[in-house]
Amino acid sequence: MNGYYGDHAYTFAVGEISEDRKKTHRGYSLSRGIYSCRIGNCTGDIGYAIHNYAEKYGSGVVIEYTD
C-alpha cells in the first residue's frame, strides 16, 4: 500500500488451551530465538532454540518448510 510492503504472522489459539501451550503463544519461543542471536551462532541455532522450547511445552514448529 502506497509503496509499503509488509508481512505479518500470528498464531491464534482456538478454544481453551492449557497454561503450558499458552507459554508458547505468548512469544516466549521467539524470545528464546532472539536470545540465541549472537556472534558465532548460525541461523540453525536460532531454530534449534525455538524448536526445543516449543516442544518442551507440547507445541512444535513446522519442519516441512526447511531442508
C-alpha atoms as a PDB file:
ATOM      1  CA  MET A   1       0.000   0.000   0.000  1.00  0.00           C
ATOM      2  CA  ASN A   2       1.448   3.336  -1.042  1.00  0.00           C
ATOM      3  CA  GLY A   3       4.775   1.661  -1.824  1.00  0.00           C
ATOM      4  CA  TYR A   4       4.942  -0.174   1.503  1.00  0.00           C
ATOM      5  CA  TYR A   5       5.300  -3.946   1.692  1.00  0.00           C
ATOM      6  CA  GLY A   6       4.846  -5.840   4.920  1.00  0.00           C
ATOM      7  CA  ASP A   7       4.394  -9.271   6.326  1.00  0.00           C
ATOM      8  CA  HIS A   8       2.720 -10.470   9.480  1.00  0.00           C
ATOM      9  CA  ALA A   9       2.272 -13.813  11.154  1.00  0.00           C
ATOM     10  CA  TYR A  10       0.351 -14.568  14.298  1.00  0.00           C
ATOM     11  CA  THR A  11      -0.726 -17.766  15.987  1.00  0.00           C
ATOM     12  CA  PHE A  12      -4.296 -17.817  17.217  1.00  0.00           C
ATOM     13  CA  ALA A  13      -5.448 -20.197  19.909  1.00  0.00           C
ATOM     14  CA  VAL A  14      -8.777 -21.808  19.099  1.00  0.00           C
ATOM     15  CA  GLY A  15     -10.841 -22.751  22.126  1.00  0.00           C
ATOM     16  CA  GLU A  16      -9.409 -23.384  25.567  1.00  0.00           C
ATOM     17  CA  ILE A  17      -5.713 -24.238  25.713  1.00  0.00           C
ATOM     18  CA  SER A  18      -3.530 -25.320  28.609  1.00  0.00           C
ATOM     19  CA  GLU A  19      -1.225 -22.971  30.504  1.00  0.00           C
ATOM     20  CA  ASP A  20       1.767 -24.793  29.012  1.00  0.00           C
ATOM     21  CA  ARG A  21       0.514 -24.161  25.485  1.00  0.00           C
ATOM     22  CA  LYS A  22      -0.116 -20.505  26.328  1.00  0.00           C
ATOM     23  CA  LYS A  23       3.577 -20.164  27.160  1.00  0.00           C
ATOM     24  CA  THR A  24       4.486 -20.900  23.552  1.00  0.00           C
ATOM     25  CA  HIS A  25       1.830 -18.488  22.251  1.00  0.00           C
ATOM     26  CA  ARG A  26       2.974 -15.515  24.323  1.00  0.00           C
ATOM     27  CA  GLY A  27       6.183 -15.042  22.430  1.00  0.00           C
ATOM     28  CA  TYR A  28       8.447 -16.926  24.804  1.00  0.00           C
ATOM     29  CA  SER A  29       9.605 -19.151  21.952  1.00  0.00           C
ATOM     30  CA  LEU A  30      10.533 -16.070  19.932  1.00  0.00           C
ATOM     31  CA  SER A  31      12.404 -14.667  22.915  1.00  0.00           C
ATOM     32  CA  ARG A  32      14.479 -17.859  23.077  1.00  0.00           C
ATOM     33  CA  GLY A  33      15.335 -17.442  19.414  1.00  0.00           C
ATOM     34  CA  ILE A  34      16.268 -13.783  19.823  1.00  0.00           C
ATOM     35  CA  TYR A  35      18.421 -14.613  22.845  1.00  0.00           C
ATOM     36  CA  SER A  36      20.349 -17.141  20.746  1.00  0.00           C
ATOM     37  CA  CYS A  37      21.293 -14.438  18.203  1.00  0.00           C
ATOM     38  CA  ARG A  38      24.936 -13.807  18.993  1.00  0.00           C
ATOM     39  CA  ILE A  39      28.266 -13.725  17.258  1.00  0.00           C
ATOM     40  CA  GLY A  40      29.363 -17.185  16.219  1.00  0.00           C
ATOM     41  CA  ASN A  41      25.884 -18.733  16.086  1.00  0.00           C
ATOM     42  CA  CYS A  42      24.158 -19.784  12.876  1.00  0.00           C
ATOM     43  CA  THR A  43      20.514 -19.452  11.874  1.00  0.00           C
ATOM     44  CA  GLY A  44      20.155 -23.129  12.753  1.00  0.00           C
ATOM     45  CA  ASP A  45      20.996 -22.265  16.359  1.00  0.00           C
ATOM     46  CA  ILE A  46      18.046 -19.865  16.427  1.00  0.00           C
ATOM     47  CA  GLY A  47      15.676 -22.508  15.050  1.00  0.00           C
ATOM     48  CA  TYR A  48      17.054 -25.073  17.479  1.00  0.00           C
ATOM     49  CA  ALA A  49      16.377 -22.804  20.448  1.00  0.00           C
ATOM     50  CA  ILE A  50      12.814 -22.089  19.310  1.00  0.00           C
ATOM     51  CA  HIS A  51      12.065 -25.718  18.469  1.00  0.00           C
ATOM     52  CA  ASN A  52      13.333 -27.043  21.809  1.00  0.00           C
ATOM     53  CA  TYR A  53      11.365 -24.505  23.817  1.00  0.00           C
ATOM     54  CA  ALA A  54       8.131 -25.087  21.891  1.00  0.00           C
ATOM     55  CA  GLU A  55       8.481 -28.859  22.101  1.00  0.00           C
ATOM     56  CA  LYS A  56       9.065 -28.655  25.857  1.00  0.00           C
ATOM     57  CA  TYR A  57       5.521 -27.255  26.225  1.00  0.00           C
ATOM     58  CA  GLY A  58       3.769 -29.611  23.809  1.00  0.00           C
ATOM     59  CA  SER A  59       3.943 -27.409  20.713  1.00  0.00           C
ATOM     60  CA  GLY A  60       6.212 -27.610  17.731  1.00  0.00           C
ATOM     61  CA  VAL A  61       7.439 -25.928  14.615  1.00  0.00           C
ATOM     62  CA  VAL A  62       6.662 -26.758  11.006  1.00  0.00           C
ATOM     63  CA  ILE A  63       9.731 -28.582   9.761  1.00  0.00           C
ATOM     64  CA  GLU A  64       8.384 -29.410   6.315  1.00  0.00           C
ATOM     65  CA  TYR A  65       9.349 -25.909   5.106  1.00  0.00           C
ATOM     66  CA  THR A  66      13.026 -26.490   5.804  1.00  0.00           C
ATOM     67  CA  ASP A  67      15.767 -28.536   4.207  1.00  0.00           C
END
